[in-house]
């Protein structure tokens, strides 16, 4: 489960930020995990709950946004919203899509005290 490794790394980065900025607790985290990122948001949420116990993140509320995939067709140039890497262009049916969004994982917002 690579979600656990990702959570441990995220917690390490947040701890560095906590030390640098001097806050004591995190109340809320908002992550953006694209639908094409190959991360399972529920597995990530579980891993976060387990990894953050007895830390400065123990009471933090984790919010996860899941933006859809975005692609550009290499044959006709159409822009499309896609849900898998196997989707076809809705305009011409081509399978030659250049994925341009929806694979990210990023911290969007953090509320601290």
PDB file of N, CA and C in Angstrom:
ATOM      1  N   UNK A   1       0.851  -1.173   0.000  1.00  0.00           N
ATOM      2  CA  UNK A   1       0.000   0.000   0.000  1.00  0.00           C
ATOM      3  C   UNK A   1       0.895   1.234   0.000  1.00  0.00           C
ATOM      4  N   UNK A   2       1.080   1.845  -1.168  1.00  0.00           N
ATOM      5  CA  UNK A   2       1.948   3.012  -1.253  1.00  0.00           C
ATOM      6  C   UNK A   2       1.309   4.253  -0.635  1.00  0.00           C
ATOM      7  N   UNK A   3       0.006   4.216  -0.346  1.00  0.00           N
ATOM      8  CA  UNK A   3      -0.635   5.340   0.331  1.00  0.00           C
ATOM      9  C   UNK A   3      -0.023   5.577   1.712  1.00  0.00           C
ATOM     10  N   UNK A   4       0.364   4.510   2.398  1.00  0.00           N
ATOM     11  CA  UNK A   4       0.987   4.644   3.719  1.00  0.00           C
ATOM     12  C   UNK A   4       2.336   5.359   3.598  1.00  0.00           C
ATOM     13  N   UNK A   5       3.120   5.001   2.627  1.00  0.00           N
ATOM     14  CA  UNK A   5       4.408   5.657   2.395  1.00  0.00           C
ATOM     15  C   UNK A   5       4.204   7.128   2.055  1.00  0.00           C
ATOM     16  N   UNK A   6       3.220   7.419   1.238  1.00  0.00           N
ATOM     17  CA  UNK A   6       2.927   8.806   0.870  1.00  0.00           C
ATOM     18  C   UNK A   6       2.505   9.596   2.104  1.00  0.00           C
ATOM     19  N   UNK A   7       1.665   8.993   2.958  1.00  0.00           N
ATOM     20  CA  UNK A   7       1.241   9.683   4.188  1.00  0.00           C
ATOM     21  C   UNK A   7       2.415   9.942   5.117  1.00  0.00           C
ATOM     22  N   UNK A   8       3.285   8.980   5.260  1.00  0.00           N
ATOM     23  CA  UNK A   8       4.446   9.169   6.126  1.00  0.00           C
ATOM     24  C   UNK A   8       5.320  10.306   5.611  1.00  0.00           C
ATOM     25  N   UNK A   9       5.492  10.385   4.315  1.00  0.00           N
ATOM     26  CA  UNK A   9       6.285  11.472   3.727  1.00  0.00           C
ATOM     27  C   UNK A   9       5.580  12.815   3.909  1.00  0.00           C
ATOM     28  N   UNK A  10       4.263  12.840   3.707  1.00  0.00           N
ATOM     29  CA  UNK A  10       3.488  14.065   3.906  1.00  0.00           C
ATOM     30  C   UNK A  10       3.600  14.544   5.350  1.00  0.00           C
ATOM     31  N   UNK A  11       3.490  13.631   6.290  1.00  0.00           N
ATOM     32  CA  UNK A  11       3.594  13.986   7.708  1.00  0.00           C
ATOM     33  C   UNK A  11       4.986  14.532   8.019  1.00  0.00           C
ATOM     34  N   UNK A  12       6.009  13.941   7.436  1.00  0.00           N
ATOM     35  CA  UNK A  12       7.364  14.448   7.622  1.00  0.00           C
ATOM     36  C   UNK A  12       7.524  15.868   7.097  1.00  0.00           C
ATOM     37  N   UNK A  13       6.962  16.140   5.924  1.00  0.00           N
ATOM     38  CA  UNK A  13       7.033  17.487   5.351  1.00  0.00           C
ATOM     39  C   UNK A  13       6.245  18.485   6.194  1.00  0.00           C
ATOM     40  N   UNK A  14       5.084  18.067   6.685  1.00  0.00           N
ATOM     41  CA  UNK A  14       4.290  18.956   7.532  1.00  0.00           C
ATOM     42  C   UNK A  14       4.989  19.222   8.864  1.00  0.00           C
ATOM     43  N   UNK A  15       5.689  18.232   9.374  1.00  0.00           N
ATOM     44  CA  UNK A  15       6.432  18.423  10.617  1.00  0.00           C
ATOM     45  C   UNK A  15       7.567  19.429  10.416  1.00  0.00           C
ATOM     46  N   UNK A  16       8.251  19.340   9.291  1.00  0.00           N
ATOM     47  CA  UNK A  16       9.287  20.327   8.977  1.00  0.00           C
ATOM     48  C   UNK A  16       8.687  21.726   8.901  1.00  0.00           C
ATOM     49  N   UNK A  17       7.532  21.840   8.264  1.00  0.00           N
ATOM     50  CA  UNK A  17       6.862  23.134   8.145  1.00  0.00           C
ATOM     51  C   UNK A  17       6.415  23.635   9.517  1.00  0.00           C
ATOM     52  N   UNK A  18       5.949  22.742  10.368  1.00  0.00           N
ATOM     53  CA  UNK A  18       5.526  23.104  11.726  1.00  0.00           C
ATOM     54  C   UNK A  18       6.700  23.692  12.495  1.00  0.00           C
ATOM     55  N   UNK A  19       7.845  23.063  12.405  1.00  0.00           N
ATOM     56  CA  UNK A  19       9.033  23.562  13.109  1.00  0.00           C
ATOM     57  C   UNK A  19       9.489  24.910  12.547  1.00  0.00           C
ATOM     58  N   UNK A  20       9.415  25.056  11.245  1.00  0.00           N
ATOM     59  CA  UNK A  20       9.857  26.286  10.597  1.00  0.00           C
ATOM     60  C   UNK A  20       8.933  27.462  10.936  1.00  0.00           C
ATOM     61  N   UNK A  21       7.628  27.211  10.954  1.00  0.00           N
ATOM     62  CA  UNK A  21       6.661  28.297  11.154  1.00  0.00           C
ATOM     63  C   UNK A  21       6.166  28.430  12.594  1.00  0.00           C
ATOM     64  N   UNK A  22       6.395  27.411  13.426  1.00  0.00           N
ATOM     65  CA  UNK A  22       6.076  27.521  14.836  1.00  0.00           C
ATOM     66  C   UNK A  22       4.639  27.242  15.244  1.00  0.00           C
ATOM     67  N   UNK A  23       3.848  26.603  14.416  1.00  0.00           N
ATOM     68  CA  UNK A  23       2.507  26.251  14.859  1.00  0.00           C
ATOM     69  C   UNK A  23       2.550  24.938  15.639  1.00  0.00           C
ATOM     70  N   UNK A  24       1.517  24.672  16.426  1.00  0.00           N
ATOM     71  CA  UNK A  24       1.523  23.482  17.278  1.00  0.00           C
ATOM     72  C   UNK A  24       0.626  22.361  16.772  1.00  0.00           C
ATOM     73  N   UNK A  25      -0.462  22.721  16.092  1.00  0.00           N
ATOM     74  CA  UNK A  25      -1.408  21.717  15.615  1.00  0.00           C
ATOM     75  C   UNK A  25      -1.927  22.066  14.229  1.00  0.00           C
ATOM     76  N   UNK A  26      -2.355  21.047  13.553  1.00  0.00           N
ATOM     77  CA  UNK A  26      -3.048  21.241  12.281  1.00  0.00           C
ATOM     78  C   UNK A  26      -4.504  20.868  12.510  1.00  0.00           C
ATOM     79  N   UNK A  27      -5.389  21.788  12.158  1.00  0.00           N
ATOM     80  CA  UNK A  27      -6.822  21.539  12.321  1.00  0.00           C
ATOM     81  C   UNK A  27      -7.424  20.870  11.089  1.00  0.00           C
ATOM     82  N   UNK A  28      -6.930  21.294   9.914  1.00  0.00           N
ATOM     83  CA  UNK A  28      -7.536  20.812   8.673  1.00  0.00           C
ATOM     84  C   UNK A  28      -6.511  20.797   7.558  1.00  0.00           C
ATOM     85  N   UNK A  29      -6.556  19.752   6.750  1.00  0.00           N
ATOM     86  CA  UNK A  29      -5.742  19.645   5.542  1.00  0.00           C
ATOM     87  C   UNK A  29      -6.677  19.417   4.368  1.00  0.00           C
ATOM     88  N   UNK A  30      -6.409  20.091   3.279  1.00  0.00           N
ATOM     89  CA  UNK A  30      -7.170  19.827   2.058  1.00  0.00           C
ATOM     90  C   UNK A  30      -6.193  19.405   0.976  1.00  0.00           C
ATOM     91  N   UNK A  31      -6.383  18.189   0.494  1.00  0.00           N
ATOM     92  CA  UNK A  31      -5.535  17.641  -0.557  1.00  0.00           C
ATOM     93  C   UNK A  31      -6.307  17.589  -1.862  1.00  0.00           C
ATOM     94  N   UNK A  32      -5.591  17.651  -2.937  1.00  0.00           N
ATOM     95  CA  UNK A  32      -6.153  17.448  -4.263  1.00  0.00           C
ATOM     96  C   UNK A  32      -5.493  16.207  -4.835  1.00  0.00           C
ATOM     97  N   UNK A  33      -6.299  15.197  -5.106  1.00  0.00           N
ATOM     98  CA  UNK A  33      -5.794  13.945  -5.662  1.00  0.00           C
ATOM     99  C   UNK A  33      -6.550  13.677  -6.956  1.00  0.00           C
ATOM    100  N   UNK A  34      -5.878  13.845  -8.068  1.00  0.00           N
ATOM    101  CA  UNK A  34      -6.509  13.645  -9.364  1.00  0.00           C
ATOM    102  C   UNK A  34      -7.025  12.228  -9.547  1.00  0.00           C
ATOM    103  N   UNK A  35      -8.111  12.114 -10.285  1.00  0.00           N
ATOM    104  CA  UNK A  35      -8.719  10.799 -10.511  1.00  0.00           C
ATOM    105  C   UNK A  35      -7.811   9.847 -11.267  1.00  0.00           C
ATOM    106  N   UNK A  36      -6.812  10.361 -11.950  1.00  0.00           N
ATOM    107  CA  UNK A  36      -5.885   9.510 -12.700  1.00  0.00           C
ATOM    108  C   UNK A  36      -4.573   9.285 -11.958  1.00  0.00           C
ATOM    109  N   UNK A  37      -4.510   9.642 -10.688  1.00  0.00           N
ATOM    110  CA  UNK A  37      -3.262   9.608  -9.932  1.00  0.00           C
ATOM    111  C   UNK A  37      -2.848   8.208  -9.475  1.00  0.00           C
ATOM    112  N   UNK A  38      -3.709   7.238  -9.590  1.00  0.00           N
ATOM    113  CA  UNK A  38      -3.448   5.870  -9.110  1.00  0.00           C
ATOM    114  C   UNK A  38      -3.387   5.802  -7.587  1.00  0.00           C
ATOM    115  N   UNK A  39      -3.931   6.796  -6.909  1.00  0.00           N
ATOM    116  CA  UNK A  39      -4.039   6.771  -5.460  1.00  0.00           C
ATOM    117  C   UNK A  39      -5.500   6.561  -5.095  1.00  0.00           C
ATOM    118  N   UNK A  40      -5.723   5.745  -4.091  1.00  0.00           N
ATOM    119  CA  UNK A  40      -7.067   5.493  -3.591  1.00  0.00           C
ATOM    120  C   UNK A  40      -7.317   6.450  -2.428  1.00  0.00           C
ATOM    121  N   UNK A  41      -8.218   7.418  -2.602  1.00  0.00           N
ATOM    122  CA  UNK A  41      -8.467   8.393  -1.538  1.00  0.00           C
ATOM    123  C   UNK A  41      -8.873   7.763  -0.210  1.00  0.00           C
ATOM    124  N   UNK A  42      -9.653   6.704  -0.235  1.00  0.00           N
ATOM    125  CA  UNK A  42     -10.059   6.068   1.020  1.00  0.00           C
ATOM    126  C   UNK A  42      -8.885   5.359   1.691  1.00  0.00           C
ATOM    127  N   UNK A  43      -8.022   4.742   0.902  1.00  0.00           N
ATOM    128  CA  UNK A  43      -6.820   4.118   1.462  1.00  0.00           C
ATOM    129  C   UNK A  43      -5.892   5.194   2.025  1.00  0.00           C
ATOM    130  N   UNK A  44      -5.814   6.327   1.343  1.00  0.00           N
ATOM    131  CA  UNK A  44      -4.995   7.435   1.830  1.00  0.00           C
ATOM    132  C   UNK A  44      -5.564   7.988   3.134  1.00  0.00           C
ATOM    133  N   UNK A  45      -6.875   8.106   3.205  1.00  0.00           N
ATOM    134  CA  UNK A  45      -7.525   8.591   4.423  1.00  0.00           C
ATOM    135  C   UNK A  45      -7.246   7.634   5.595  1.00  0.00           C
ATOM    136  N   UNK A  46      -7.354   6.328   5.346  1.00  0.00           N
ATOM    137  CA  UNK A  46      -7.065   5.328   6.374  1.00  0.00           C
ATOM    138  C   UNK A  46      -5.609   5.419   6.815  1.00  0.00           C
ATOM    139  N   UNK A  47      -4.702   5.505   5.849  1.00  0.00           N
ATOM    140  CA  UNK A  47      -3.278   5.600   6.162  1.00  0.00           C
ATOM    141  C   UNK A  47      -2.980   6.868   6.960  1.00  0.00           C
ATOM    142  N   UNK A  48      -3.648   7.960   6.624  1.00  0.00           N
ATOM    143  CA  UNK A  48      -3.460   9.209   7.360  1.00  0.00           C
ATOM    144  C   UNK A  48      -3.932   9.058   8.803  1.00  0.00           C
ATOM    145  N   UNK A  49      -5.096   8.450   8.985  1.00  0.00           N
ATOM    146  CA  UNK A  49      -5.620   8.237  10.343  1.00  0.00           C
ATOM    147  C   UNK A  49      -4.665   7.405  11.188  1.00  0.00           C
ATOM    148  N   UNK A  50      -4.108   6.370  10.610  1.00  0.00           N
ATOM    149  CA  UNK A  50      -3.178   5.495  11.330  1.00  0.00           C
ATOM    150  C   UNK A  50      -1.851   6.215  11.591  1.00  0.00           C
ATOM    151  N   UNK A  51      -1.327   6.874  10.588  1.00  0.00           N
ATOM    152  CA  UNK A  51      -0.006   7.508  10.693  1.00  0.00           C
ATOM    153  C   UNK A  51       0.012   8.747  11.577  1.00  0.00           C
ATOM    154  N   UNK A  52      -1.118   9.429  11.683  1.00  0.00           N
ATOM    155  CA  UNK A  52      -1.131  10.700  12.408  1.00  0.00           C
ATOM    156  C   UNK A  52      -1.501  10.563  13.880  1.00  0.00           C
ATOM    157  N   UNK A  53      -1.834   9.373  14.319  1.00  0.00           N
ATOM    158  CA  UNK A  53      -2.169   9.175  15.735  1.00  0.00           C
ATOM    159  C   UNK A  53      -1.007   9.619  16.613  1.00  0.00           C
ATOM    160  N   UNK A  54      -1.356  10.279  17.700  1.00  0.00           N
ATOM    161  CA  UNK A  54      -0.369  10.729  18.692  1.00  0.00           C
ATOM    162  C   UNK A  54       0.672  11.680  18.094  1.00  0.00           C
ATOM    163  N   UNK A  55       0.260  12.454  17.082  1.00  0.00           N
ATOM    164  CA  UNK A  55       1.129  13.474  16.511  1.00  0.00           C
ATOM    165  C   UNK A  55       0.386  14.815  16.549  1.00  0.00           C
ATOM    166  N   UNK A  56       1.023  15.846  16.087  1.00  0.00           N
ATOM    167  CA  UNK A  56       0.398  17.163  15.999  1.00  0.00           C
ATOM    168  C   UNK A  56      -0.752  17.181  14.991  1.00  0.00           C
ATOM    169  N   UNK A  57      -0.922  16.101  14.239  1.00  0.00           N
ATOM    170  CA  UNK A  57      -1.987  15.982  13.246  1.00  0.00           C
ATOM    171  C   UNK A  57      -3.152  15.109  13.725  1.00  0.00           C
ATOM    172  N   UNK A  58      -3.086  14.651  14.964  1.00  0.00           N
ATOM    173  CA  UNK A  58      -4.054  13.664  15.454  1.00  0.00           C
ATOM    174  C   UNK A  58      -5.502  14.102  15.315  1.00  0.00           C
ATOM    175  N   UNK A  59      -5.773  15.380  15.455  1.00  0.00           N
ATOM    176  CA  UNK A  59      -7.157  15.857  15.384  1.00  0.00           C
ATOM    177  C   UNK A  59      -7.477  16.543  14.056  1.00  0.00           C
ATOM    178  N   UNK A  60      -6.565  16.471  13.124  1.00  0.00           N
ATOM    179  CA  UNK A  60      -6.756  17.164  11.842  1.00  0.00           C
ATOM    180  C   UNK A  60      -7.851  16.495  11.015  1.00  0.00           C
ATOM    181  N   UNK A  61      -8.666  17.332  10.398  1.00  0.00           N
ATOM    182  CA  UNK A  61      -9.689  16.852   9.475  1.00  0.00           C
ATOM    183  C   UNK A  61      -9.064  16.832   8.083  1.00  0.00           C
ATOM    184  N   UNK A  62      -9.161  15.704   7.411  1.00  0.00           N
ATOM    185  CA  UNK A  62      -8.582  15.548   6.077  1.00  0.00           C
ATOM    186  C   UNK A  62      -9.683  15.656   5.033  1.00  0.00           C
ATOM    187  N   UNK A  63      -9.551  16.638   4.160  1.00  0.00           N
ATOM    188  CA  UNK A  63     -10.492  16.819   3.059  1.00  0.00           C
ATOM    189  C   UNK A  63      -9.769  16.471   1.766  1.00  0.00           C
ATOM    190  N   UNK A  64     -10.443  15.731   0.902  1.00  0.00           N
ATOM    191  CA  UNK A  64      -9.818  15.299  -0.353  1.00  0.00           C
ATOM    192  C   UNK A  64     -10.711  15.690  -1.526  1.00  0.00           C
ATOM    193  N   UNK A  65     -10.171  16.506  -2.418  1.00  0.00           N
ATOM    194  CA  UNK A  65     -10.840  16.849  -3.674  1.00  0.00           C
ATOM    195  C   UNK A  65     -10.288  15.931  -4.749  1.00  0.00           C
ATOM    196  N   UNK A  66     -11.141  15.507  -5.686  1.00  0.00           N
ATOM    197  CA  UNK A  66     -10.711  14.621  -6.765  1.00  0.00           C
ATOM    198  C   UNK A  66     -11.057  15.204  -8.132  1.00  0.00           C
ATOM    199  N   UNK A  67     -10.212  16.086  -8.651  1.00  0.00           N
ATOM    200  CA  UNK A  67     -10.496  16.629  -9.979  1.00  0.00           C
ATOM    201  C   UNK A  67     -10.375  15.535 -11.044  1.00  0.00           C
ATOM    202  N   UNK A  68     -11.205  15.631 -12.089  1.00  0.00           N
ATOM    203  CA  UNK A  68     -11.165  14.628 -13.150  1.00  0.00           C
ATOM    204  C   UNK A  68      -9.920  14.764 -14.009  1.00  0.00           C
ATOM    205  N   UNK A  69      -9.680  13.746 -14.795  1.00  0.00           N
ATOM    206  CA  UNK A  69      -8.584  13.791 -15.742  1.00  0.00           C
ATOM    207  C   UNK A  69      -8.908  14.722 -16.901  1.00  0.00           C
ATOM    208  N   UNK A  70      -7.900  15.341 -17.446  1.00  0.00           N
ATOM    209  CA  UNK A  70      -8.041  16.220 -18.607  1.00  0.00           C
ATOM    210  C   UNK A  70      -7.050  15.749 -19.667  1.00  0.00           C
ATOM    211  N   UNK A  71      -7.504  15.744 -20.906  1.00  0.00           N
ATOM    212  CA  UNK A  71      -6.635  15.288 -21.992  1.00  0.00           C
ATOM    213  C   UNK A  71      -6.859  16.123 -23.241  1.00  0.00           C
ATOM    214  N   UNK A  72      -5.861  16.092 -24.084  1.00  0.00           N
ATOM    215  CA  UNK A  72      -5.917  16.751 -25.379  1.00  0.00           C
ATOM    216  C   UNK A  72      -5.707  15.670 -26.441  1.00  0.00           C
ATOM    217  N   UNK A  73      -6.570  15.660 -27.444  1.00  0.00           N
ATOM    218  CA  UNK A  73      -6.459  14.651 -28.497  1.00  0.00           C
ATOM    219  C   UNK A  73      -5.319  15.015 -29.447  1.00  0.00           C
ATOM    220  N   UNK A  74      -4.429  14.065 -29.684  1.00  0.00           N
ATOM    221  CA  UNK A  74      -3.296  14.307 -30.577  1.00  0.00           C
ATOM    222  C   UNK A  74      -3.704  14.266 -32.047  1.00  0.00           C
ATOM    223  N   UNK A  75      -4.902  13.727 -32.337  1.00  0.00           N
ATOM    224  CA  UNK A  75      -5.351  13.649 -33.729  1.00  0.00           C
ATOM    225  C   UNK A  75      -6.203  14.847 -34.145  1.00  0.00           C
ATOM    226  N   UNK A  76      -7.179  15.231 -33.324  1.00  0.00           N
ATOM    227  CA  UNK A  76      -8.077  16.325 -33.732  1.00  0.00           C
ATOM    228  C   UNK A  76      -7.924  17.592 -32.886  1.00  0.00           C
ATOM    229  N   UNK A  77      -7.149  17.508 -31.789  1.00  0.00           N
ATOM    230  CA  UNK A  77      -6.910  18.677 -30.952  1.00  0.00           C
ATOM    231  C   UNK A  77      -7.988  18.977 -29.924  1.00  0.00           C
ATOM    232  N   UNK A  78      -9.019  18.162 -29.862  1.00  0.00           N
ATOM    233  CA  UNK A  78     -10.106  18.399 -28.904  1.00  0.00           C
ATOM    234  C   UNK A  78      -9.607  18.233 -27.475  1.00  0.00           C
ATOM    235  N   UNK A  79     -10.187  19.016 -26.569  1.00  0.00           N
ATOM    236  CA  UNK A  79      -9.920  18.895 -25.140  1.00  0.00           C
ATOM    237  C   UNK A  79     -11.034  18.028 -24.555  1.00  0.00           C
ATOM    238  N   UNK A  80     -10.685  17.147 -23.624  1.00  0.00           N
ATOM    239  CA  UNK A  80     -11.687  16.230 -23.081  1.00  0.00           C
ATOM    240  C   UNK A  80     -11.462  15.976 -21.604  1.00  0.00           C
ATOM    241  N   UNK A  81     -12.545  15.729 -20.908  1.00  0.00           N
ATOM    242  CA  UNK A  81     -12.491  15.258 -19.529  1.00  0.00           C
ATOM    243  C   UNK A  81     -12.550  13.742 -19.605  1.00  0.00           C
ATOM    244  N   UNK A  82     -11.603  13.082 -18.931  1.00  0.00           N
ATOM    245  CA  UNK A  82     -11.544  11.617 -18.985  1.00  0.00           C
ATOM    246  C   UNK A  82     -11.531  11.051 -17.566  1.00  0.00           C
ATOM    247  N   UNK A  83     -11.959   9.800 -17.451  1.00  0.00           N
ATOM    248  CA  UNK A  83     -11.978   9.169 -16.130  1.00  0.00           C
ATOM    249  C   UNK A  83     -10.952   8.043 -16.010  1.00  0.00           C
ATOM    250  N   UNK A  84     -10.421   7.571 -17.145  1.00  0.00           N
ATOM    251  CA  UNK A  84      -9.362   6.555 -17.123  1.00  0.00           C
ATOM    252  C   UNK A  84      -8.357   6.855 -18.237  1.00  0.00           C
ATOM    253  N   UNK A  85      -7.219   6.216 -18.156  1.00  0.00           N
ATOM    254  CA  UNK A  85      -6.200   6.362 -19.204  1.00  0.00           C
ATOM    255  C   UNK A  85      -6.623   5.660 -20.493  1.00  0.00           C
ATOM    256  N   UNK A  86      -7.666   4.864 -20.438  1.00  0.00           N
ATOM    257  CA  UNK A  86      -8.122   4.113 -21.603  1.00  0.00           C
ATOM    258  C   UNK A  86      -9.254   4.797 -22.357  1.00  0.00           C
ATOM    259  N   UNK A  87      -9.702   5.957 -21.891  1.00  0.00           N
ATOM    260  CA  UNK A  87     -10.785   6.675 -22.565  1.00  0.00           C
ATOM    261  C   UNK A  87     -10.356   7.090 -23.963  1.00  0.00           C
ATOM    262  N   UNK A  88     -11.355   7.306 -24.809  1.00  0.00           N
ATOM    263  CA  UNK A  88     -11.109   7.764 -26.176  1.00  0.00           C
ATOM    264  C   UNK A  88     -11.596   9.198 -26.325  1.00  0.00           C
ATOM    265  N   UNK A  89     -11.165   9.832 -27.372  1.00  0.00           N
ATOM    266  CA  UNK A  89     -11.567  11.202 -27.655  1.00  0.00           C
ATOM    267  C   UNK A  89     -13.070  11.227 -27.956  1.00  0.00           C
ATOM    268  N   UNK A  90     -13.814  12.072 -27.239  1.00  0.00           N
ATOM    269  CA  UNK A  90     -15.255  12.129 -27.502  1.00  0.00           C
ATOM    270  C   UNK A  90     -15.590  12.754 -28.861  1.00  0.00           C
ATOM    271  N   UNK A  91     -14.647  13.482 -29.448  1.00  0.00           N
ATOM    272  CA  UNK A  91     -14.910  14.143 -30.732  1.00  0.00           C
ATOM    273  C   UNK A  91     -14.645  13.234 -31.933  1.00  0.00           C
ATOM    274  N   UNK A  92     -13.516  12.485 -31.881  1.00  0.00           N
ATOM    275  CA  UNK A  92     -13.148  11.695 -33.062  1.00  0.00           C
ATOM    276  C   UNK A  92     -12.957  10.205 -32.771  1.00  0.00           C
ATOM    277  N   UNK A  93     -12.975   9.806 -31.501  1.00  0.00           N
ATOM    278  CA  UNK A  93     -12.824   8.389 -31.157  1.00  0.00           C
ATOM    279  C   UNK A  93     -11.385   7.911 -31.062  1.00  0.00           C
ATOM    280  N   UNK A  94     -10.434   8.793 -31.262  1.00  0.00           N
ATOM    281  CA  UNK A  94      -9.026   8.419 -31.212  1.00  0.00           C
ATOM    282  C   UNK A  94      -8.625   7.967 -29.802  1.00  0.00           C
ATOM    283  N   UNK A  95      -7.662   7.069 -29.746  1.00  0.00           N
ATOM    284  CA  UNK A  95      -7.105   6.640 -28.458  1.00  0.00           C
ATOM    285  C   UNK A  95      -5.813   7.393 -28.150  1.00  0.00           C
ATOM    286  N   UNK A  96      -5.411   8.272 -29.056  1.00  0.00           N
ATOM    287  CA  UNK A  96      -4.161   9.028 -28.873  1.00  0.00           C
ATOM    288  C   UNK A  96      -4.431  10.309 -28.102  1.00  0.00           C
ATOM    289  N   UNK A  97      -4.543  10.153 -26.797  1.00  0.00           N
ATOM    290  CA  UNK A  97      -4.809  11.292 -25.925  1.00  0.00           C
ATOM    291  C   UNK A  97      -3.569  11.632 -25.112  1.00  0.00           C
ATOM    292  N   UNK A  98      -3.303  12.914 -25.006  1.00  0.00           N
ATOM    293  CA  UNK A  98      -2.215  13.416 -24.173  1.00  0.00           C
ATOM    294  C   UNK A  98      -2.841  13.896 -22.870  1.00  0.00           C
ATOM    295  N   UNK A  99      -2.573  13.158 -21.793  1.00  0.00           N
ATOM    296  CA  UNK A  99      -3.148  13.509 -20.494  1.00  0.00           C
ATOM    297  C   UNK A  99      -2.436  14.751 -19.971  1.00  0.00           C
ATOM    298  N   UNK A 100      -3.216  15.783 -19.663  1.00  0.00           N
ATOM    299  CA  UNK A 100      -2.649  17.050 -19.215  1.00  0.00           C
ATOM    300  C   UNK A 100      -3.096  17.432 -17.800  1.00  0.00           C
ATOM    301  N   UNK A 101      -3.943  16.635 -17.185  1.00  0.00           N
ATOM    302  CA  UNK A 101      -4.396  16.936 -15.825  1.00  0.00           C
ATOM    303  C   UNK A 101      -5.087  15.750 -15.193  1.00  0.00           C
ATOM    304  N   UNK A 102      -5.144  15.785 -13.867  1.00  0.00           N
ATOM    305  CA  UNK A 102      -5.826  14.720 -13.142  1.00  0.00           C
ATOM    306  C   UNK A 102      -4.899  13.672 -12.565  1.00  0.00           C
ATOM    307  N   UNK A 103      -3.583  13.883 -12.651  1.00  0.00           N
ATOM    308  CA  UNK A 103      -2.641  12.911 -12.098  1.00  0.00           C
ATOM    309  C   UNK A 103      -1.942  13.440 -10.849  1.00  0.00           C
ATOM    310  N   UNK A 104      -2.302  14.629 -10.422  1.00  0.00           N
ATOM    311  CA  UNK A 104      -1.594  15.295  -9.345  1.00  0.00           C
ATOM    312  C   UNK A 104      -2.042  14.844  -7.958  1.00  0.00           C
ATOM    313  N   UNK A 105      -1.138  15.046  -7.007  1.00  0.00           N
ATOM    314  CA  UNK A 105      -1.468  15.008  -5.599  1.00  0.00           C
ATOM    315  C   UNK A 105      -0.766  16.217  -5.007  1.00  0.00           C
ATOM    316  N   UNK A 106      -1.552  17.092  -4.415  1.00  0.00           N
ATOM    317  CA  UNK A 106      -0.926  18.284  -3.828  1.00  0.00           C
ATOM    318  C   UNK A 106      -1.708  18.757  -2.620  1.00  0.00           C
ATOM    319  N   UNK A 107      -1.005  19.398  -1.738  1.00  0.00           N
ATOM    320  CA  UNK A 107      -1.604  20.027  -0.573  1.00  0.00           C
ATOM    321  C   UNK A 107      -2.119  21.376  -1.020  1.00  0.00           C
ATOM    322  N   UNK A 108      -3.425  21.592  -0.912  1.00  0.00           N
ATOM    323  CA  UNK A 108      -4.052  22.818  -1.386  1.00  0.00           C
ATOM    324  C   UNK A 108      -4.176  23.843  -0.263  1.00  0.00           C
ATOM    325  N   UNK A 109      -4.517  23.352   0.930  1.00  0.00           N
ATOM    326  CA  UNK A 109      -4.801  24.265   2.015  1.00  0.00           C
ATOM    327  C   UNK A 109      -4.518  23.585   3.346  1.00  0.00           C
ATOM    328  N   UNK A 110      -4.109  24.397   4.320  1.00  0.00           N
ATOM    329  CA  UNK A 110      -3.818  23.872   5.657  1.00  0.00           C
ATOM    330  C   UNK A 110      -4.250  24.908   6.675  1.00  0.00           C
ATOM    331  N   UNK A 111      -5.028  24.472   7.653  1.00  0.00           N
ATOM    332  CA  UNK A 111      -5.452  25.356   8.740  1.00  0.00           C
ATOM    333  C   UNK A 111      -4.717  24.921   9.993  1.00  0.00           C
ATOM    334  N   UNK A 112      -3.999  25.852  10.615  1.00  0.00           N
ATOM    335  CA  UNK A 112      -3.156  25.529  11.754  1.00  0.00           C
ATOM    336  C   UNK A 112      -3.499  26.418  12.952  1.00  0.00           C
ATOM    337  N   UNK A 113      -3.004  26.031  14.125  1.00  0.00           N
ATOM    338  CA  UNK A 113      -3.131  26.880  15.305  1.00  0.00           C
ATOM    339  C   UNK A 113      -1.874  26.715  16.160  1.00  0.00           C
TER     340      UNK A 113
END
